[in-house]
PDB file of N, CA and C in Angstrom:
ATOM      1  N   UNK A   1     -61.990 -93.614  51.625  1.00  0.00           N
ATOM      2  CA  UNK A   1     -62.421 -92.255  51.900  1.00  0.00           C
ATOM      3  C   UNK A   1     -63.625 -91.891  51.024  1.00  0.00           C
ATOM      4  N   UNK A   2     -64.561 -91.157  51.575  1.00  0.00           N
ATOM      5  CA  UNK A   2     -65.778 -90.769  50.855  1.00  0.00           C
ATOM      6  C   UNK A   2     -65.473 -89.705  49.801  1.00  0.00           C
ATOM      7  N   UNK A   3     -66.382 -89.617  48.848  1.00  0.00           N
ATOM      8  CA  UNK A   3     -66.240 -88.597  47.795  1.00  0.00           C
ATOM      9  C   UNK A   3     -66.456 -87.204  48.369  1.00  0.00           C
ATOM     10  N   UNK A   4     -65.696 -86.240  47.854  1.00  0.00           N
ATOM     11  CA  UNK A   4     -65.836 -84.855  48.318  1.00  0.00           C
ATOM     12  C   UNK A   4     -67.098 -84.231  47.712  1.00  0.00           C
ATOM     13  N   UNK A   5     -67.320 -84.489  46.410  1.00  0.00           N
ATOM     14  CA  UNK A   5     -68.497 -83.992  45.712  1.00  0.00           C
ATOM     15  C   UNK A   5     -69.316 -85.179  45.238  1.00  0.00           C
ATOM     16  N   UNK A   6     -70.625 -85.012  45.124  1.00  0.00           N
ATOM     17  CA  UNK A   6     -71.466 -86.094  44.609  1.00  0.00           C
ATOM     18  C   UNK A   6     -71.239 -86.223  43.103  1.00  0.00           C
ATOM     19  N   UNK A   7     -71.597 -87.368  42.556  1.00  0.00           N
ATOM     20  CA  UNK A   7     -71.424 -87.593  41.108  1.00  0.00           C
ATOM     21  C   UNK A   7     -72.276 -86.613  40.311  1.00  0.00           C
ATOM     22  N   UNK A   8     -73.476 -86.336  40.810  1.00  0.00           N
ATOM     23  CA  UNK A   8     -74.359 -85.410  40.089  1.00  0.00           C
ATOM     24  C   UNK A   8     -73.806 -83.981  40.105  1.00  0.00           C
ATOM     25  N   UNK A   9     -73.086 -83.622  41.175  1.00  0.00           N
ATOM     26  CA  UNK A   9     -72.455 -82.295  41.228  1.00  0.00           C
ATOM     27  C   UNK A   9     -71.348 -82.219  40.172  1.00  0.00           C
ATOM     28  N   UNK A  10     -70.612 -83.333  40.009  1.00  0.00           N
ATOM     29  CA  UNK A  10     -69.554 -83.384  38.994  1.00  0.00           C
ATOM     30  C   UNK A  10     -70.147 -83.208  37.602  1.00  0.00           C
ATOM     31  N   UNK A  11     -71.323 -83.772  37.376  1.00  0.00           N
ATOM     32  CA  UNK A  11     -72.003 -83.644  36.081  1.00  0.00           C
ATOM     33  C   UNK A  11     -72.368 -82.176  35.828  1.00  0.00           C
ATOM     34  N   UNK A  12     -72.801 -81.481  36.880  1.00  0.00           N
ATOM     35  CA  UNK A  12     -73.141 -80.059  36.742  1.00  0.00           C
ATOM     36  C   UNK A  12     -71.923 -79.244  36.333  1.00  0.00           C
ATOM     37  N   UNK A  13     -70.789 -79.544  36.956  1.00  0.00           N
ATOM     38  CA  UNK A  13     -69.543 -78.836  36.631  1.00  0.00           C
ATOM     39  C   UNK A  13     -69.155 -79.144  35.186  1.00  0.00           C
ATOM     40  N   UNK A  14     -69.293 -80.405  34.814  1.00  0.00           N
ATOM     41  CA  UNK A  14     -68.961 -80.830  33.450  1.00  0.00           C
ATOM     42  C   UNK A  14     -69.814 -80.064  32.431  1.00  0.00           C
ATOM     43  N   UNK A  15     -71.091 -79.892  32.754  1.00  0.00           N
ATOM     44  CA  UNK A  15     -72.018 -79.191  31.868  1.00  0.00           C
ATOM     45  C   UNK A  15     -71.593 -77.732  31.701  1.00  0.00           C
ATOM     46  N   UNK A  16     -71.194 -77.085  32.806  1.00  0.00           N
ATOM     47  CA  UNK A  16     -70.779 -75.679  32.705  1.00  0.00           C
ATOM     48  C   UNK A  16     -69.473 -75.547  31.926  1.00  0.00           C
ATOM     49  N   UNK A  17     -68.585 -76.541  32.065  1.00  0.00           N
ATOM     50  CA  UNK A  17     -67.321 -76.494  31.323  1.00  0.00           C
ATOM     51  C   UNK A  17     -67.587 -76.584  29.816  1.00  0.00           C
ATOM     52  N   UNK A  18     -68.550 -77.410  29.445  1.00  0.00           N
ATOM     53  CA  UNK A  18     -68.902 -77.528  28.021  1.00  0.00           C
ATOM     54  C   UNK A  18     -69.494 -76.219  27.506  1.00  0.00           C
ATOM     55  N   UNK A  19     -70.335 -75.603  28.335  1.00  0.00           N
ATOM     56  CA  UNK A  19     -70.934 -74.313  27.959  1.00  0.00           C
ATOM     57  C   UNK A  19     -69.846 -73.271  27.738  1.00  0.00           C
ATOM     58  N   UNK A  20     -68.845 -73.274  28.643  1.00  0.00           N
ATOM     59  CA  UNK A  20     -67.744 -72.313  28.520  1.00  0.00           C
ATOM     60  C   UNK A  20     -67.002 -72.535  27.207  1.00  0.00           C
ATOM     61  N   UNK A  21     -66.771 -73.800  26.877  1.00  0.00           N
ATOM     62  CA  UNK A  21     -66.026 -74.137  25.663  1.00  0.00           C
ATOM     63  C   UNK A  21     -66.784 -73.685  24.415  1.00  0.00           C
ATOM     64  N   UNK A  22     -68.121 -73.810  24.476  1.00  0.00           N
ATOM     65  CA  UNK A  22     -68.952 -73.361  23.348  1.00  0.00           C
ATOM     66  C   UNK A  22     -69.050 -71.836  23.281  1.00  0.00           C
ATOM     67  N   UNK A  23     -68.773 -71.187  24.424  1.00  0.00           N
ATOM     68  CA  UNK A  23     -68.839 -69.731  24.466  1.00  0.00           C
ATOM     69  C   UNK A  23     -70.207 -69.214  24.849  1.00  0.00           C
ATOM     70  N   UNK A  24     -71.022 -70.079  25.490  1.00  0.00           N
ATOM     71  CA  UNK A  24     -72.374 -69.658  25.853  1.00  0.00           C
ATOM     72  C   UNK A  24     -72.537 -69.448  27.357  1.00  0.00           C
ATOM     73  N   UNK A  25     -71.474 -69.681  28.125  1.00  0.00           N
ATOM     74  CA  UNK A  25     -71.561 -69.522  29.583  1.00  0.00           C
ATOM     75  C   UNK A  25     -71.419 -68.051  29.946  1.00  0.00           C
ATOM     76  N   UNK A  26     -72.376 -67.554  30.735  1.00  0.00           N
ATOM     77  CA  UNK A  26     -72.381 -66.152  31.144  1.00  0.00           C
ATOM     78  C   UNK A  26     -72.342 -66.069  32.664  1.00  0.00           C
ATOM     79  N   UNK A  27     -71.780 -64.984  33.169  1.00  0.00           N
ATOM     80  CA  UNK A  27     -71.652 -64.839  34.622  1.00  0.00           C
ATOM     81  C   UNK A  27     -72.696 -63.878  35.166  1.00  0.00           C
ATOM     82  N   UNK A  28     -73.101 -64.138  36.391  1.00  0.00           N
ATOM     83  CA  UNK A  28     -73.959 -63.305  37.225  1.00  0.00           C
ATOM     84  C   UNK A  28     -74.781 -62.199  36.611  1.00  0.00           C
ATOM     85  N   UNK A  29     -74.819 -61.073  37.298  1.00  0.00           N
ATOM     86  CA  UNK A  29     -75.659 -59.956  36.883  1.00  0.00           C
ATOM     87  C   UNK A  29     -75.173 -59.290  35.608  1.00  0.00           C
ATOM     88  N   UNK A  30     -73.867 -59.154  35.488  1.00  0.00           N
ATOM     89  CA  UNK A  30     -73.314 -58.435  34.335  1.00  0.00           C
ATOM     90  C   UNK A  30     -73.596 -59.183  33.036  1.00  0.00           C
ATOM     91  N   UNK A  31     -73.653 -60.513  33.112  1.00  0.00           N
ATOM     92  CA  UNK A  31     -73.933 -61.309  31.920  1.00  0.00           C
ATOM     93  C   UNK A  31     -72.759 -61.387  30.974  1.00  0.00           C
ATOM     94  N   UNK A  32     -71.553 -61.108  31.523  1.00  0.00           N
ATOM     95  CA  UNK A  32     -70.353 -61.184  30.682  1.00  0.00           C
ATOM     96  C   UNK A  32     -70.020 -62.631  30.369  1.00  0.00           C
ATOM     97  N   UNK A  33     -69.359 -62.822  29.238  1.00  0.00           N
ATOM     98  CA  UNK A  33     -68.952 -64.164  28.831  1.00  0.00           C
ATOM     99  C   UNK A  33     -67.817 -64.654  29.737  1.00  0.00           C
ATOM    100  N   UNK A  34     -67.929 -65.902  30.207  1.00  0.00           N
ATOM    101  CA  UNK A  34     -66.910 -66.471  31.084  1.00  0.00           C
ATOM    102  C   UNK A  34     -65.805 -67.064  30.230  1.00  0.00           C
ATOM    103  N   UNK A  35     -64.560 -66.676  30.527  1.00  0.00           N
ATOM    104  CA  UNK A  35     -63.431 -67.175  29.758  1.00  0.00           C
ATOM    105  C   UNK A  35     -62.529 -68.077  30.584  1.00  0.00           C
ATOM    106  N   UNK A  36     -62.483 -67.867  31.907  1.00  0.00           N
ATOM    107  CA  UNK A  36     -61.550 -68.631  32.734  1.00  0.00           C
ATOM    108  C   UNK A  36     -62.143 -69.964  33.186  1.00  0.00           C
ATOM    109  N   UNK A  37     -61.304 -70.990  33.216  1.00  0.00           N
ATOM    110  CA  UNK A  37     -61.716 -72.330  33.642  1.00  0.00           C
ATOM    111  C   UNK A  37     -62.142 -72.319  35.103  1.00  0.00           C
ATOM    112  N   UNK A  38     -61.364 -71.614  35.928  1.00  0.00           N
ATOM    113  CA  UNK A  38     -61.647 -71.556  37.364  1.00  0.00           C
ATOM    114  C   UNK A  38     -63.029 -70.978  37.627  1.00  0.00           C
ATOM    115  N   UNK A  39     -63.367 -69.924  36.901  1.00  0.00           N
ATOM    116  CA  UNK A  39     -64.665 -69.291  37.091  1.00  0.00           C
ATOM    117  C   UNK A  39     -65.788 -70.225  36.652  1.00  0.00           C
ATOM    118  N   UNK A  40     -65.554 -70.973  35.570  1.00  0.00           N
ATOM    119  CA  UNK A  40     -66.563 -71.921  35.086  1.00  0.00           C
ATOM    120  C   UNK A  40     -66.819 -73.014  36.122  1.00  0.00           C
ATOM    121  N   UNK A  41     -65.760 -73.518  36.750  1.00  0.00           N
ATOM    122  CA  UNK A  41     -65.892 -74.538  37.787  1.00  0.00           C
ATOM    123  C   UNK A  41     -66.661 -73.973  38.973  1.00  0.00           C
ATOM    124  N   UNK A  42     -66.335 -72.745  39.364  1.00  0.00           N
ATOM    125  CA  UNK A  42     -67.007 -72.097  40.490  1.00  0.00           C
ATOM    126  C   UNK A  42     -68.502 -71.944  40.223  1.00  0.00           C
ATOM    127  N   UNK A  43     -68.858 -71.592  39.009  1.00  0.00           N
ATOM    128  CA  UNK A  43     -70.265 -71.435  38.638  1.00  0.00           C
ATOM    129  C   UNK A  43     -70.972 -72.787  38.722  1.00  0.00           C
ATOM    130  N   UNK A  44     -70.321 -73.825  38.204  1.00  0.00           N
ATOM    131  CA  UNK A  44     -70.889 -75.178  38.243  1.00  0.00           C
ATOM    132  C   UNK A  44     -71.139 -75.655  39.655  1.00  0.00           C
ATOM    133  N   UNK A  45     -70.172 -75.413  40.543  1.00  0.00           N
ATOM    134  CA  UNK A  45     -70.307 -75.843  41.939  1.00  0.00           C
ATOM    135  C   UNK A  45     -71.397 -75.059  42.659  1.00  0.00           C
ATOM    136  N   UNK A  46     -71.483 -73.766  42.388  1.00  0.00           N
ATOM    137  CA  UNK A  46     -72.505 -72.965  43.067  1.00  0.00           C
ATOM    138  C   UNK A  46     -73.901 -73.367  42.600  1.00  0.00           C
ATOM    139  N   UNK A  47     -74.036 -73.739  41.316  1.00  0.00           N
ATOM    140  CA  UNK A  47     -75.324 -74.216  40.812  1.00  0.00           C
ATOM    141  C   UNK A  47     -75.704 -75.524  41.493  1.00  0.00           C
ATOM    142  N   UNK A  48     -74.718 -76.412  41.659  1.00  0.00           N
ATOM    143  CA  UNK A  48     -74.953 -77.697  42.327  1.00  0.00           C
ATOM    144  C   UNK A  48     -75.364 -77.461  43.781  1.00  0.00           C
ATOM    145  N   UNK A  49     -74.715 -76.499  44.438  1.00  0.00           N
ATOM    146  CA  UNK A  49     -75.055 -76.148  45.826  1.00  0.00           C
ATOM    147  C   UNK A  49     -76.504 -75.678  45.919  1.00  0.00           C
ATOM    148  N   UNK A  50     -76.885 -74.846  44.964  1.00  0.00           N
ATOM    149  CA  UNK A  50     -78.240 -74.310  44.948  1.00  0.00           C
ATOM    150  C   UNK A  50     -79.283 -75.414  44.797  1.00  0.00           C
ATOM    151  N   UNK A  51     -78.920 -76.457  44.024  1.00  0.00           N
ATOM    152  CA  UNK A  51     -79.833 -77.586  43.815  1.00  0.00           C
ATOM    153  C   UNK A  51     -79.853 -78.527  45.020  1.00  0.00           C
ATOM    154  N   UNK A  52     -78.949 -78.284  45.976  1.00  0.00           N
ATOM    155  CA  UNK A  52     -78.931 -79.091  47.198  1.00  0.00           C
ATOM    156  C   UNK A  52     -78.125 -80.367  47.086  1.00  0.00           C
ATOM    157  N   UNK A  53     -77.174 -80.405  46.158  1.00  0.00           N
ATOM    158  CA  UNK A  53     -76.327 -81.590  45.991  1.00  0.00           C
ATOM    159  C   UNK A  53     -75.171 -81.565  46.975  1.00  0.00           C
ATOM    160  N   UNK A  54     -74.498 -82.705  47.102  1.00  0.00           N
ATOM    161  CA  UNK A  54     -73.407 -82.814  48.082  1.00  0.00           C
ATOM    162  C   UNK A  54     -72.158 -82.083  47.573  1.00  0.00           C
ATOM    163  N   UNK A  55     -72.002 -80.850  48.039  1.00  0.00           N
ATOM    164  CA  UNK A  55     -70.840 -80.026  47.707  1.00  0.00           C
ATOM    165  C   UNK A  55     -70.442 -79.298  48.981  1.00  0.00           C
ATOM    166  N   UNK A  56     -69.180 -79.415  49.422  1.00  0.00           N
ATOM    167  CA  UNK A  56     -68.779 -78.724  50.645  1.00  0.00           C
ATOM    168  C   UNK A  56     -68.902 -77.208  50.511  1.00  0.00           C
ATOM    169  N   UNK A  57     -69.035 -76.538  51.647  1.00  0.00           N
ATOM    170  CA  UNK A  57     -69.142 -75.077  51.642  1.00  0.00           C
ATOM    171  C   UNK A  57     -67.873 -74.446  51.115  1.00  0.00           C
ATOM    172  N   UNK A  58     -68.002 -73.208  50.643  1.00  0.00           N
ATOM    173  CA  UNK A  58     -66.837 -72.480  50.140  1.00  0.00           C
ATOM    174  C   UNK A  58     -65.860 -72.214  51.270  1.00  0.00           C
ATOM    175  N   UNK A  59     -64.568 -72.362  50.993  1.00  0.00           N
ATOM    176  CA  UNK A  59     -63.543 -72.072  51.990  1.00  0.00           C
ATOM    177  C   UNK A  59     -63.373 -70.582  52.186  1.00  0.00           C
ATOM    178  N   UNK A  60     -62.993 -70.176  53.393  1.00  0.00           N
ATOM    179  CA  UNK A  60     -62.763 -68.750  53.631  1.00  0.00           C
ATOM    180  C   UNK A  60     -61.276 -68.543  53.867  1.00  0.00           C
ATOM    181  N   UNK A  61     -60.541 -68.386  52.814  1.00  0.00           N
ATOM    182  CA  UNK A  61     -59.098 -68.181  52.920  1.00  0.00           C
ATOM    183  C   UNK A  61     -58.330 -69.485  53.094  1.00  0.00           C
ATOM    184  N   UNK A  62     -57.020 -69.387  53.098  1.00  0.00           N
ATOM    185  CA  UNK A  62     -56.167 -70.584  53.225  1.00  0.00           C
ATOM    186  C   UNK A  62     -55.830 -70.866  54.677  1.00  0.00           C
ATOM    187  N   UNK A  63     -55.694 -72.130  54.984  1.00  0.00           N
ATOM    188  CA  UNK A  63     -55.271 -72.527  56.326  1.00  0.00           C
ATOM    189  C   UNK A  63     -53.761 -72.737  56.309  1.00  0.00           C
ATOM    190  N   UNK A  64     -53.125 -72.451  57.422  1.00  0.00           N
ATOM    191  CA  UNK A  64     -51.657 -72.637  57.478  1.00  0.00           C
ATOM    192  C   UNK A  64     -51.289 -73.770  58.360  1.00  0.00           C
TER     193      UNK A  64
END
């Protein structure tokens, strides 16, 4: 089975996780400090998407 995310996208997520751990990761317009792991991953993936890396589109709700 093929990879869901590209290796370079994983590196972007890894970079944002390190930033969060250092306490330098900030969110969107408000510029608040990011504390949650989930939010840090989301930021990393959206940055990778913006750069045009292989990352699937965001899901819209859960499937049953």
